[in-house]
Amino acid sequence: MMKRLTCWLLSSGVAALVFLANVTSASACVFGHYQPEVPKSLQK
């Protein structure tokens, strides 16, 4: 019984952390398609 509860708690914790990581990274990548212009000094 205790082993089953521990397994369930660990699985739930991992799922919650994965969800939190996805939400955090998605909010940081709102401008993922934004590509700034290359400065003239770096162009060939």
N, C-alpha and C. Protein backbone atom coordinates (compact mmCIF):
# COMPACT_ATOMS: atom_id res chain seq x y z
N MET A 1 0.83 -1.19 0.00
CA MET A 1 0.00 0.00 0.00
C MET A 1 0.87 1.26 0.00
N MET A 2 1.91 1.27 0.84
CA MET A 2 2.78 2.44 0.95
C MET A 2 3.58 2.63 -0.34
N LYS A 3 4.00 1.53 -0.95
CA LYS A 3 4.78 1.61 -2.20
C LYS A 3 3.92 2.19 -3.32
N ARG A 4 2.67 1.79 -3.36
CA ARG A 4 1.75 2.28 -4.39
C ARG A 4 1.49 3.78 -4.20
N LEU A 5 1.33 4.22 -2.97
CA LEU A 5 1.11 5.63 -2.68
C LEU A 5 2.34 6.46 -3.03
N THR A 6 3.52 5.95 -2.71
CA THR A 6 4.75 6.66 -3.03
C THR A 6 4.92 6.80 -4.54
N CYS A 7 4.65 5.74 -5.27
CA CYS A 7 4.74 5.77 -6.73
C CYS A 7 3.76 6.79 -7.30
N TRP A 8 2.56 6.82 -6.80
CA TRP A 8 1.55 7.76 -7.27
C TRP A 8 1.95 9.20 -6.97
N LEU A 9 2.47 9.45 -5.78
CA LEU A 9 2.90 10.80 -5.41
C LEU A 9 4.07 11.27 -6.28
N LEU A 10 5.03 10.40 -6.52
CA LEU A 10 6.16 10.77 -7.36
C LEU A 10 5.72 11.04 -8.80
N SER A 11 4.84 10.21 -9.32
CA SER A 11 4.33 10.41 -10.68
C SER A 11 3.57 11.72 -10.79
N SER A 12 2.77 12.03 -9.81
CA SER A 12 2.01 13.28 -9.81
C SER A 12 2.94 14.48 -9.71
N GLY A 13 3.97 14.36 -8.89
CA GLY A 13 4.94 15.45 -8.75
C GLY A 13 5.69 15.71 -10.03
N VAL A 14 6.10 14.66 -10.70
CA VAL A 14 6.81 14.80 -11.98
C VAL A 14 5.90 15.42 -13.02
N ALA A 15 4.65 14.98 -13.08
CA ALA A 15 3.71 15.54 -14.04
C ALA A 15 3.48 17.03 -13.78
N ALA A 16 3.37 17.41 -12.53
CA ALA A 16 3.18 18.82 -12.19
C ALA A 16 4.40 19.65 -12.57
N LEU A 17 5.59 19.13 -12.35
CA LEU A 17 6.80 19.87 -12.70
C LEU A 17 6.97 19.99 -14.22
N VAL A 18 6.62 18.96 -14.96
CA VAL A 18 6.69 19.02 -16.42
C VAL A 18 5.69 20.06 -16.94
N PHE A 19 4.50 20.07 -16.37
CA PHE A 19 3.50 21.07 -16.76
C PHE A 19 3.99 22.48 -16.46
N LEU A 20 4.57 22.68 -15.30
CA LEU A 20 5.09 23.99 -14.92
C LEU A 20 6.22 24.43 -15.86
N ALA A 21 7.08 23.51 -16.23
CA ALA A 21 8.17 23.83 -17.15
C ALA A 21 7.63 24.22 -18.52
N ASN A 22 6.62 23.53 -18.99
CA ASN A 22 6.02 23.86 -20.29
C ASN A 22 5.35 25.23 -20.27
N VAL A 23 4.64 25.53 -19.21
CA VAL A 23 3.95 26.82 -19.11
C VAL A 23 4.97 27.94 -19.03
N THR A 24 6.02 27.75 -18.26
CA THR A 24 7.04 28.78 -18.11
C THR A 24 7.78 29.03 -19.41
N SER A 25 8.17 27.98 -20.11
CA SER A 25 8.91 28.16 -21.36
C SER A 25 8.01 28.72 -22.45
N ALA A 26 6.74 28.36 -22.45
CA ALA A 26 5.83 28.88 -23.48
C ALA A 26 5.61 30.38 -23.30
N SER A 27 5.57 30.84 -22.07
CA SER A 27 5.37 32.27 -21.85
C SER A 27 6.62 33.06 -22.20
N ALA A 28 7.78 32.44 -22.17
CA ALA A 28 9.03 33.13 -22.51
C ALA A 28 9.25 33.14 -24.01
N CYS A 29 8.53 32.33 -24.76
CA CYS A 29 8.75 32.21 -26.20
C CYS A 29 7.60 32.81 -27.01
N VAL A 30 6.99 33.86 -26.48
CA VAL A 30 5.87 34.47 -27.18
C VAL A 30 6.33 35.02 -28.52
N PHE A 31 7.53 35.59 -28.55
CA PHE A 31 8.05 36.16 -29.78
C PHE A 31 9.04 35.20 -30.43
N GLY A 32 8.71 33.94 -30.47
CA GLY A 32 9.60 32.92 -31.01
C GLY A 32 9.88 33.08 -32.49
N HIS A 33 8.95 33.70 -33.22
CA HIS A 33 9.13 33.86 -34.65
C HIS A 33 9.78 35.19 -35.00
N TYR A 34 10.09 35.98 -34.01
CA TYR A 34 10.73 37.27 -34.24
C TYR A 34 12.20 37.05 -34.58
N GLN A 35 12.65 37.63 -35.67
CA GLN A 35 14.04 37.52 -36.08
C GLN A 35 14.55 38.92 -36.39
N PRO A 36 15.43 39.46 -35.54
CA PRO A 36 15.89 40.83 -35.77
C PRO A 36 16.78 40.92 -37.01
N GLU A 37 16.91 42.14 -37.52
CA GLU A 37 17.76 42.36 -38.68
C GLU A 37 19.23 42.23 -38.28
N VAL A 38 20.03 41.71 -39.20
CA VAL A 38 21.46 41.55 -38.95
C VAL A 38 22.12 42.93 -39.10
N PRO A 39 22.94 43.33 -38.15
CA PRO A 39 23.60 44.62 -38.27
C PRO A 39 24.49 44.69 -39.52
N LYS A 40 24.63 45.88 -40.07
CA LYS A 40 25.43 46.07 -41.29
C LYS A 40 26.87 45.62 -41.09
N SER A 41 27.39 45.80 -39.88
CA SER A 41 28.79 45.43 -39.63
C SER A 41 29.01 43.91 -39.67
N LEU A 42 27.95 43.13 -39.50
CA LEU A 42 28.07 41.67 -39.54
C LEU A 42 27.73 41.08 -40.89
N GLN A 43 27.12 41.88 -41.76
CA GLN A 43 26.78 41.38 -43.09
C GLN A 43 28.03 41.35 -43.96
N LYS A 44 28.07 40.40 -44.88
CA LYS A 44 29.23 40.30 -45.79
C LYS A 44 29.04 41.19 -46.98
